Amino acid sequence: MMETRSEVDIDVPAALVWGILADFRAYGRWNPLIRGILGHPMPGGTIEISLRTSAGREMRSRPTVVFVREEREMKWLDRWRIPGLFTSERRFRLVPLAHGGVRFHHEERAQGMLVSLLGLRRRVRGQPGFDAMASALKQRAERAWAQRGNAAIH
């Protein structure tokens, strides 16, 4: 099994961050890793994901959403048709922080024969994408929060 993880503290309420994560149609405007998602964050639903590799190639997958707890967690599972070849579980979690805001956790657990064969290459390419997504989410959320505050002042 191979795991890739990234986390970042975001100084805005969980509801705002969740709104960004659950708005699949807008991913292409801000997310450098997951360029688009078709579908809705509903358990049991199939979504279509377009990912951009570090080499700039687009990859597509059709995972099943397996868990959603609004403003807290979303998880999907991607399996190839041939058992044992490749399975991936991706999870987004928002954990409240004592000072306010949230810590965003992005995790993927992959297993199967392909992971063993391609694991090192995938790990080297995967971590930068996870970190770039976390950074982009933080920037988008904090910018939206600041703009909301400025709009209230005027």
Protein backbone atom coordinates (compact mmCIF):
# COMPACT_ATOMS: atom_id res chain seq x y z
CA MET A 1 0.00 0.00 0.00
CA MET A 2 1.10 3.54 -0.72
CA GLU A 3 -0.19 6.65 1.03
CA THR A 4 0.03 10.28 -0.04
CA ARG A 5 -0.98 13.00 2.42
CA SER A 6 -1.10 16.75 2.55
CA GLU A 7 -2.54 19.17 5.06
CA VAL A 8 -2.88 22.91 5.49
CA ASP A 9 -4.45 25.23 8.08
CA ILE A 10 -7.08 27.55 6.60
CA ASP A 11 -8.23 30.56 8.61
CA VAL A 12 -11.90 30.55 7.60
CA PRO A 13 -15.02 28.72 8.81
CA ALA A 14 -15.51 25.09 7.78
CA ALA A 15 -18.71 25.94 5.89
CA LEU A 16 -16.81 28.15 3.45
CA VAL A 17 -14.07 25.57 2.81
CA TRP A 18 -16.69 22.83 2.43
CA GLY A 19 -18.56 24.96 -0.08
CA ILE A 20 -15.44 25.15 -2.24
CA LEU A 21 -14.73 21.42 -1.96
CA ALA A 22 -18.34 20.44 -2.74
CA ASP A 23 -18.57 22.75 -5.78
CA PHE A 24 -17.18 20.21 -8.22
CA ARG A 25 -17.99 22.36 -11.28
CA ALA A 26 -15.55 25.08 -10.15
CA TYR A 27 -12.47 22.86 -9.66
CA GLY A 28 -11.04 23.81 -13.06
CA ARG A 29 -10.88 27.46 -11.96
CA TRP A 30 -8.68 26.90 -8.91
CA ASN A 31 -7.44 23.32 -8.48
CA PRO A 32 -4.07 22.50 -10.10
CA LEU A 33 -4.43 18.75 -9.40
CA ILE A 34 -8.10 17.85 -9.88
CA ARG A 35 -9.06 19.81 -12.98
CA GLY A 36 -12.70 18.86 -12.95
CA ILE A 37 -15.33 16.61 -11.43
CA LEU A 38 -18.63 15.71 -13.03
CA GLY A 39 -21.32 14.56 -10.63
CA HIS A 40 -22.33 15.40 -7.09
CA PRO A 41 -20.86 14.61 -3.65
CA MET A 42 -23.55 12.07 -2.74
CA PRO A 43 -22.85 8.61 -1.23
CA GLY A 44 -23.31 5.86 -3.78
CA GLY A 45 -22.96 8.20 -6.74
CA THR A 46 -20.36 7.79 -9.46
CA ILE A 47 -18.32 10.86 -10.32
CA GLU A 48 -15.95 11.46 -13.22
CA ILE A 49 -12.65 13.04 -12.27
CA SER A 50 -10.09 14.70 -14.52
CA LEU A 51 -6.62 14.88 -12.95
CA ARG A 52 -3.52 16.64 -14.25
CA THR A 53 -0.26 14.80 -13.74
CA SER A 54 2.99 16.63 -13.00
CA ALA A 55 3.97 15.87 -16.60
CA GLY A 56 0.91 17.87 -17.72
CA ARG A 57 -1.11 14.87 -18.94
CA GLU A 58 -4.81 14.51 -18.19
CA MET A 59 -6.04 11.31 -16.55
CA ARG A 60 -9.66 10.36 -16.00
CA SER A 61 -11.25 8.05 -13.46
CA ARG A 62 -14.78 7.15 -12.40
CA PRO A 63 -14.78 6.52 -8.64
CA THR A 64 -17.78 5.97 -6.39
CA VAL A 65 -18.47 8.41 -3.55
CA VAL A 66 -18.59 6.22 -0.43
CA PHE A 67 -18.95 8.73 2.41
CA VAL A 68 -19.99 12.36 2.88
CA ARG A 69 -20.38 14.20 6.16
CA GLU A 70 -21.02 17.82 5.29
CA GLU A 71 -18.48 20.34 6.50
CA ARG A 72 -16.30 17.44 7.76
CA GLU A 73 -15.41 14.67 5.32
CA MET A 74 -15.77 13.28 1.81
CA LYS A 75 -14.37 9.99 0.55
CA TRP A 76 -14.43 8.16 -2.79
CA LEU A 77 -13.18 4.79 -3.98
CA ASP A 78 -11.69 4.04 -7.39
CA ARG A 79 -11.21 0.42 -8.50
CA TRP A 80 -10.04 -0.99 -11.77
CA ARG A 81 -12.15 -3.76 -13.21
CA ILE A 82 -9.46 -6.40 -12.81
CA PRO A 83 -9.38 -7.33 -9.07
CA GLY A 84 -6.04 -6.75 -7.34
CA LEU A 85 -4.63 -4.49 -10.04
CA PHE A 86 -5.42 -1.06 -8.57
CA THR A 87 -7.64 0.38 -5.84
CA SER A 88 -7.50 3.94 -4.55
CA GLU A 89 -9.34 5.62 -1.69
CA ARG A 90 -9.22 9.41 -1.61
CA ARG A 91 -10.37 11.40 1.40
CA PHE A 92 -10.85 15.09 2.20
CA ARG A 93 -11.26 15.98 5.89
CA LEU A 94 -11.83 19.29 7.66
CA VAL A 95 -10.80 19.36 11.32
CA PRO A 96 -11.78 22.41 13.42
CA LEU A 97 -8.89 24.32 15.02
CA ALA A 98 -8.99 25.83 18.52
CA HIS A 99 -8.36 29.38 17.23
CA GLY A 100 -11.04 29.05 14.56
CA GLY A 101 -10.57 27.91 11.02
CA VAL A 102 -9.88 24.35 9.95
CA ARG A 103 -7.08 21.99 9.04
CA PHE A 104 -7.65 20.48 5.59
CA HIS A 105 -6.39 16.91 5.24
CA HIS A 106 -6.09 15.34 1.78
CA GLU A 107 -5.19 11.66 1.79
CA GLU A 108 -4.97 8.87 -0.75
CA ARG A 109 -4.36 5.19 -0.05
CA ALA A 110 -3.56 3.12 -3.11
CA GLN A 111 -2.94 -0.59 -3.34
CA GLY A 112 -2.67 -3.34 -5.92
CA MET A 113 -0.09 -4.76 -8.29
CA LEU A 114 0.29 -1.52 -10.23
CA VAL A 115 1.08 0.39 -7.05
CA SER A 116 3.97 -1.96 -6.35
CA LEU A 117 5.30 -1.61 -9.89
CA LEU A 118 4.83 2.16 -10.20
CA GLY A 119 4.86 3.20 -6.55
CA LEU A 120 8.03 5.24 -6.37
CA ARG A 121 7.30 7.14 -9.58
CA ARG A 122 3.72 7.81 -8.47
CA ARG A 123 4.83 9.00 -5.01
CA VAL A 124 7.31 11.45 -6.52
CA ARG A 125 4.62 12.82 -8.89
CA GLY A 126 1.75 12.68 -6.39
CA GLN A 127 3.00 14.69 -3.42
CA PRO A 128 3.63 17.93 -5.32
CA GLY A 129 0.08 17.78 -6.72
CA PHE A 130 -1.43 17.22 -3.28
CA ASP A 131 0.58 20.10 -1.82
CA ALA A 132 -0.36 22.40 -4.72
CA MET A 133 -4.05 21.59 -4.25
CA ALA A 134 -3.87 22.29 -0.50
CA SER A 135 -2.17 25.63 -1.13
CA ALA A 136 -4.68 26.60 -3.83
CA LEU A 137 -7.63 25.71 -1.57
CA LYS A 138 -6.20 27.83 1.24
CA GLN A 139 -5.68 30.81 -1.08
CA ARG A 140 -9.17 30.53 -2.60
CA ALA A 141 -10.92 30.19 0.78
CA GLU A 142 -9.02 32.97 2.54
CA ARG A 143 -9.44 35.32 -0.43
CA ALA A 144 -13.20 34.63 -0.49
CA TRP A 145 -13.41 35.24 3.26
CA ALA A 146 -11.52 38.53 2.99
CA GLN A 147 -13.72 39.69 0.11
CA ARG A 148 -16.83 38.80 2.12
CA GLY A 149 -15.56 40.90 5.02
CA ASN A 150 -14.72 43.87 2.77
CA ALA A 151 -18.19 43.71 1.18
CA ALA A 152 -19.80 43.89 4.63
CA ILE A 153 -17.82 47.05 5.48
CA HIS A 154 -18.99 48.97 2.38
